[in-house]
Protein backbone atom coordinates (compact mmCIF):
# COMPACT_ATOMS: atom_id res chain seq x y z
CA MET A 1 0.00 0.00 0.00
CA ALA A 2 1.15 3.47 -0.77
CA GLY A 3 2.10 5.87 2.00
CA PHE A 4 0.29 8.93 3.28
CA GLU A 5 1.55 11.15 0.43
CA ALA A 6 -0.07 8.94 -2.24
CA ILE A 7 -3.30 8.97 -0.24
CA TYR A 8 -3.15 12.76 0.03
CA GLN A 9 -2.61 13.06 -3.72
CA VAL A 10 -5.86 11.16 -4.35
CA VAL A 11 -7.80 13.10 -1.71
CA THR A 12 -6.79 16.45 -3.23
CA LEU A 13 -8.46 15.33 -6.49
CA ILE A 14 -11.91 14.81 -4.94
CA PRO A 15 -14.08 17.55 -6.49
CA GLU A 16 -16.04 19.97 -4.34
CA GLY A 17 -19.50 18.60 -3.57
CA ARG A 18 -18.36 14.98 -3.95
CA VAL A 19 -17.18 12.42 -1.40
CA THR A 20 -15.38 9.11 -1.44
CA SER A 21 -14.71 6.35 1.04
CA TYR A 22 -11.61 5.14 2.83
CA GLY A 23 -11.96 1.79 1.05
CA ALA A 24 -12.35 3.34 -2.40
CA ILE A 25 -9.07 5.22 -1.97
CA ALA A 26 -7.33 2.08 -0.66
CA GLY A 27 -8.67 0.04 -3.57
CA TYR A 28 -7.51 2.61 -6.09
CA LEU A 29 -4.03 2.53 -4.56
CA GLY A 30 -3.93 -1.27 -4.76
CA SER A 31 -4.83 -2.33 -1.24
CA LYS A 32 -8.45 -3.34 -0.80
CA GLY A 33 -7.85 -3.95 2.90
CA GLY A 34 -6.06 -0.65 3.44
CA ALA A 35 -9.05 1.47 4.48
CA ARG A 36 -7.71 1.78 8.02
CA LEU A 37 -4.43 3.24 6.74
CA VAL A 38 -6.41 5.79 4.73
CA GLY A 39 -8.24 6.70 7.94
CA TRP A 40 -4.94 7.18 9.77
CA ALA A 41 -3.74 9.41 6.93
CA MET A 42 -6.90 11.51 7.15
CA ASN A 43 -6.48 11.87 10.92
CA ALA A 44 -2.87 12.95 10.43
CA SER A 45 -3.83 15.50 7.76
CA HIS A 46 -5.65 17.92 10.04
CA GLY A 47 -4.08 21.33 9.90
CA GLN A 48 -3.17 20.88 6.23
CA ALA A 49 -5.73 23.08 4.48
CA SER A 50 -4.79 21.69 1.06
CA ILE A 51 -6.14 18.23 1.97
CA PRO A 52 -9.97 18.10 1.95
CA ALA A 53 -10.23 15.28 4.51
CA HIS A 54 -13.88 16.18 5.12
CA ARG A 55 -14.68 14.58 1.74
CA VAL A 56 -13.64 11.11 2.93
CA VAL A 57 -16.35 9.11 4.72
CA ASN A 58 -17.12 5.47 5.38
CA ARG A 59 -18.60 3.14 2.76
CA ASN A 60 -22.14 3.98 3.89
CA GLY A 61 -21.71 7.74 3.76
CA VAL A 62 -21.37 8.13 7.52
CA LEU A 63 -19.15 10.91 8.85
CA THR A 64 -17.01 8.53 10.91
CA GLY A 65 -14.07 10.95 11.06
CA LYS A 66 -16.07 13.88 12.38
CA ASN A 67 -14.59 13.73 15.88
CA PHE A 68 -11.19 14.69 14.46
CA PHE A 69 -12.62 17.95 13.08
CA GLY A 70 -13.95 19.25 16.36
CA GLY A 71 -17.60 20.04 16.95
CA ASN A 72 -19.72 19.79 13.82
CA ARG A 73 -17.05 21.12 11.44
CA MET A 74 -17.00 18.15 9.05
CA GLN A 75 -20.74 18.38 8.51
CA GLU A 76 -20.56 22.16 8.10
CA LEU A 77 -17.87 21.85 5.41
CA LEU A 78 -19.87 19.25 3.48
CA GLU A 79 -23.10 21.24 3.76
CA ALA A 80 -21.28 24.31 2.44
CA GLU A 81 -20.52 22.22 -0.65
CA GLY A 82 -24.21 21.36 -1.12
CA LEU A 83 -24.48 17.97 0.58
CA VAL A 84 -27.33 17.20 2.96
CA ILE A 85 -26.46 15.41 6.19
CA LYS A 86 -28.89 13.80 8.61
CA ASP A 87 -27.81 11.96 11.76
CA ASP A 88 -24.15 12.06 10.61
CA GLN A 89 -24.97 10.40 7.27
CA ILE A 90 -24.92 11.90 3.78
CA LEU A 91 -28.36 11.73 2.17
CA ASN A 92 -28.41 10.49 -1.43
CA PHE A 93 -24.84 9.27 -0.87
CA SER A 94 -24.58 7.41 -4.20
CA ALA A 95 -25.26 10.61 -6.15
CA HIS A 96 -22.29 12.32 -4.47
CA PHE A 97 -19.93 9.34 -4.43
CA TRP A 98 -16.66 9.84 -6.31
CA ASP A 99 -14.84 6.59 -7.11
CA PRO A 100 -11.18 7.19 -7.95
CA SER A 101 -10.98 3.83 -9.76
CA ILE A 102 -13.53 5.16 -12.27
CA GLU A 103 -12.84 8.90 -12.21
CA LEU A 104 -9.05 8.66 -12.48
CA LEU A 105 -8.73 6.28 -15.44
């Protein structure tokens, strides 16, 4: 599996108003079981404004990383990009899902 820098390179390509999952990034980078490493990379990225970590959620569209943003910041950032969140889950998740394995051919 690639290191944090490769993960960050993929995350910076996620368009505004779209989201992807930890597993989708891991799969794109050649490690289907590497979702946890992607999560660690997202946690370590806080404070780096160039990395839109708020656009990475779990495979069901749940804001599992929200505690690392403080308060409700992750939801606020996603809502500012036009997504609707209810009970920490993105509504109409499939319409906003960005799959790097398809988008980055």
